[in-house]
Structure formats: C-alpha cells, structure tokens
PDB file of N, CA and C in Angstrom:
ATOM      1  N   UNK A   1     230.441 115.677 269.251  1.00  0.00           N
ATOM      2  CA  UNK A   1     231.369 114.693 269.779  1.00  0.00           C
ATOM      3  C   UNK A   1     231.361 114.911 271.149  1.00  0.00           C
ATOM      4  N   UNK A   2     231.427 113.615 271.750  1.00  0.00           N
ATOM      5  CA  UNK A   2     231.519 113.861 273.652  1.00  0.00           C
ATOM      6  C   UNK A   2     232.733 113.368 273.215  1.00  0.00           C
ATOM      7  N   UNK A   3     232.868 113.817 275.055  1.00  0.00           N
ATOM      8  CA  UNK A   3     234.016 112.939 275.674  1.00  0.00           C
ATOM      9  C   UNK A   3     234.765 111.455 275.234  1.00  0.00           C
ATOM     10  N   UNK A   4     233.981 110.423 275.066  1.00  0.00           N
ATOM     11  CA  UNK A   4     234.207 108.819 274.982  1.00  0.00           C
ATOM     12  C   UNK A   4     234.464 108.913 273.331  1.00  0.00           C
ATOM     13  N   UNK A   5     234.083 109.722 272.237  1.00  0.00           N
ATOM     14  CA  UNK A   5     234.103 109.698 271.306  1.00  0.00           C
ATOM     15  C   UNK A   5     235.428 110.707 270.732  1.00  0.00           C
ATOM     16  N   UNK A   6     235.787 110.981 271.293  1.00  0.00           N
ATOM     17  CA  UNK A   6     237.154 111.692 271.047  1.00  0.00           C
ATOM     18  C   UNK A   6     238.242 110.684 271.680  1.00  0.00           C
ATOM     19  N   UNK A   7     237.794 110.436 272.731  1.00  0.00           N
ATOM     20  CA  UNK A   7     238.908 109.254 273.445  1.00  0.00           C
ATOM     21  C   UNK A   7     238.981 108.016 272.597  1.00  0.00           C
ATOM     22  N   UNK A   8     237.896 107.383 272.541  1.00  0.00           N
ATOM     23  CA  UNK A   8     237.963 106.029 271.131  1.00  0.00           C
ATOM     24  C   UNK A   8     238.754 106.101 270.053  1.00  0.00           C
ATOM     25  N   UNK A   9     239.012 107.616 269.688  1.00  0.00           N
ATOM     26  CA  UNK A   9     239.416 108.317 268.091  1.00  0.00           C
ATOM     27  C   UNK A   9     240.517 108.240 268.442  1.00  0.00           C
ATOM     28  N   UNK A  10     240.925 109.017 269.335  1.00  0.00           N
ATOM     29  CA  UNK A  10     242.462 108.989 269.840  1.00  0.00           C
ATOM     30  C   UNK A  10     242.775 108.122 270.050  1.00  0.00           C
ATOM     31  N   UNK A  11     242.561 107.181 270.408  1.00  0.00           N
ATOM     32  CA  UNK A  11     243.132 105.523 271.288  1.00  0.00           C
ATOM     33  C   UNK A  11     243.519 104.989 269.792  1.00  0.00           C
ATOM     34  N   UNK A  12     242.964 104.967 268.785  1.00  0.00           N
ATOM     35  CA  UNK A  12     242.455 104.056 267.452  1.00  0.00           C
ATOM     36  C   UNK A  12     243.620 104.585 266.605  1.00  0.00           C
ATOM     37  N   UNK A  13     243.549 105.726 266.491  1.00  0.00           N
ATOM     38  CA  UNK A  13     244.463 106.957 266.299  1.00  0.00           C
ATOM     39  C   UNK A  13     245.913 106.298 266.213  1.00  0.00           C
ATOM     40  N   UNK A  14     246.288 106.710 268.026  1.00  0.00           N
ATOM     41  CA  UNK A  14     247.351 105.969 268.252  1.00  0.00           C
ATOM     42  C   UNK A  14     247.492 104.507 268.119  1.00  0.00           C
ATOM     43  N   UNK A  15     246.897 103.779 268.123  1.00  0.00           N
ATOM     44  CA  UNK A  15     246.851 102.417 267.769  1.00  0.00           C
ATOM     45  C   UNK A  15     247.795 101.793 266.809  1.00  0.00           C
ATOM     46  N   UNK A  16     246.689 102.450 265.617  1.00  0.00           N
ATOM     47  CA  UNK A  16     247.379 102.155 264.140  1.00  0.00           C
ATOM     48  C   UNK A  16     248.518 103.125 263.950  1.00  0.00           C
ATOM     49  N   UNK A  17     249.107 103.646 264.416  1.00  0.00           N
ATOM     50  CA  UNK A  17     250.061 104.742 264.563  1.00  0.00           C
ATOM     51  C   UNK A  17     251.034 104.048 264.654  1.00  0.00           C
ATOM     52  N   UNK A  18     250.917 103.641 265.674  1.00  0.00           N
ATOM     53  CA  UNK A  18     252.312 102.653 266.370  1.00  0.00           C
ATOM     54  C   UNK A  18     252.471 101.549 265.443  1.00  0.00           C
ATOM     55  N   UNK A  19     251.228 100.548 264.605  1.00  0.00           N
ATOM     56  CA  UNK A  19     251.532  99.571 264.319  1.00  0.00           C
ATOM     57  C   UNK A  19     251.686  99.968 263.049  1.00  0.00           C
ATOM     58  N   UNK A  20     251.686 101.016 262.382  1.00  0.00           N
ATOM     59  CA  UNK A  20     251.985 101.114 261.181  1.00  0.00           C
ATOM     60  C   UNK A  20     253.967 101.673 261.028  1.00  0.00           C
ATOM     61  N   UNK A  21     254.013 102.271 262.312  1.00  0.00           N
ATOM     62  CA  UNK A  21     255.414 102.869 262.521  1.00  0.00           C
ATOM     63  C   UNK A  21     256.562 101.164 263.163  1.00  0.00           C
ATOM     64  N   UNK A  22     255.856 100.174 264.193  1.00  0.00           N
ATOM     65  CA  UNK A  22     256.279  98.954 263.490  1.00  0.00           C
ATOM     66  C   UNK A  22     256.525  98.252 262.279  1.00  0.00           C
ATOM     67  N   UNK A  23     255.256  98.130 261.182  1.00  0.00           N
ATOM     68  CA  UNK A  23     255.783  97.504 260.034  1.00  0.00           C
ATOM     69  C   UNK A  23     256.490  98.241 259.446  1.00  0.00           C
ATOM     70  N   UNK A  24     256.276  99.578 259.160  1.00  0.00           N
ATOM     71  CA  UNK A  24     257.481 100.204 258.455  1.00  0.00           C
ATOM     72  C   UNK A  24     259.125 100.230 259.331  1.00  0.00           C
ATOM     73  N   UNK A  25     258.982  99.780 260.550  1.00  0.00           N
ATOM     74  CA  UNK A  25     260.267  99.626 260.765  1.00  0.00           C
ATOM     75  C   UNK A  25     261.057  98.490 260.126  1.00  0.00           C
ATOM     76  N   UNK A  26     260.007  97.548 260.528  1.00  0.00           N
ATOM     77  CA  UNK A  26     260.222  95.721 260.217  1.00  0.00           C
ATOM     78  C   UNK A  26     260.612  95.667 258.299  1.00  0.00           C
ATOM     79  N   UNK A  27     259.728  96.380 257.686  1.00  0.00           N
ATOM     80  CA  UNK A  27     259.999  96.659 256.442  1.00  0.00           C
ATOM     81  C   UNK A  27     261.551  97.221 256.393  1.00  0.00           C
ATOM     82  N   UNK A  28     261.702  98.279 256.777  1.00  0.00           N
ATOM     83  CA  UNK A  28     262.867  99.167 256.304  1.00  0.00           C
ATOM     84  C   UNK A  28     264.755  97.950 257.232  1.00  0.00           C
ATOM     85  N   UNK A  29     264.013  97.430 258.550  1.00  0.00           N
ATOM     86  CA  UNK A  29     265.311  96.277 258.439  1.00  0.00           C
ATOM     87  C   UNK A  29     265.080  95.239 257.402  1.00  0.00           C
ATOM     88  N   UNK A  30     264.650  94.904 256.888  1.00  0.00           N
ATOM     89  CA  UNK A  30     265.021  93.646 255.838  1.00  0.00           C
ATOM     90  C   UNK A  30     265.300  94.260 254.394  1.00  0.00           C
ATOM     91  N   UNK A  31     264.642  95.825 254.227  1.00  0.00           N
ATOM     92  CA  UNK A  31     265.933  96.110 252.910  1.00  0.00           C
ATOM     93  C   UNK A  31     266.995  96.004 253.410  1.00  0.00           C
ATOM     94  N   UNK A  32     267.256  96.707 254.858  1.00  0.00           N
ATOM     95  CA  UNK A  32     268.942  96.939 255.018  1.00  0.00           C
ATOM     96  C   UNK A  32     269.527  95.805 254.973  1.00  0.00           C
ATOM     97  N   UNK A  33     269.093  94.970 256.111  1.00  0.00           N
ATOM     98  CA  UNK A  33     268.909  93.011 255.731  1.00  0.00           C
ATOM     99  C   UNK A  33     270.256  92.789 254.231  1.00  0.00           C
ATOM    100  N   UNK A  34     268.899  93.039 252.846  1.00  0.00           N
ATOM    101  CA  UNK A  34     269.439  92.924 252.127  1.00  0.00           C
ATOM    102  C   UNK A  34     270.419  93.401 251.204  1.00  0.00           C
ATOM    103  N   UNK A  35     270.414  94.275 251.488  1.00  0.00           N
ATOM    104  CA  UNK A  35     271.168  95.190 250.437  1.00  0.00           C
ATOM    105  C   UNK A  35     272.984  95.093 251.400  1.00  0.00           C
TER     106      UNK A  35
END
C-alpha cells in the first residue's frame, strides 16, 4: 500500500463514521421524541 491508498482509505473510513454517527443520532432523537 502506498500513501495514496492509506489516505483514501482513512478518508472513506472517516466519512462513513461521520455518516453512521449522524444516522444513529437521528435514530436516537426519534426514539426520544416518541417516548
């Protein structure tokens, strides 16, 4: 693996982590509002 592969891999991982975080945040907010 060269530097570009590592950077792209980290970028995609970071991006998906952010997306997952926002999805989970929305989910928990919906659960809180229904209770």
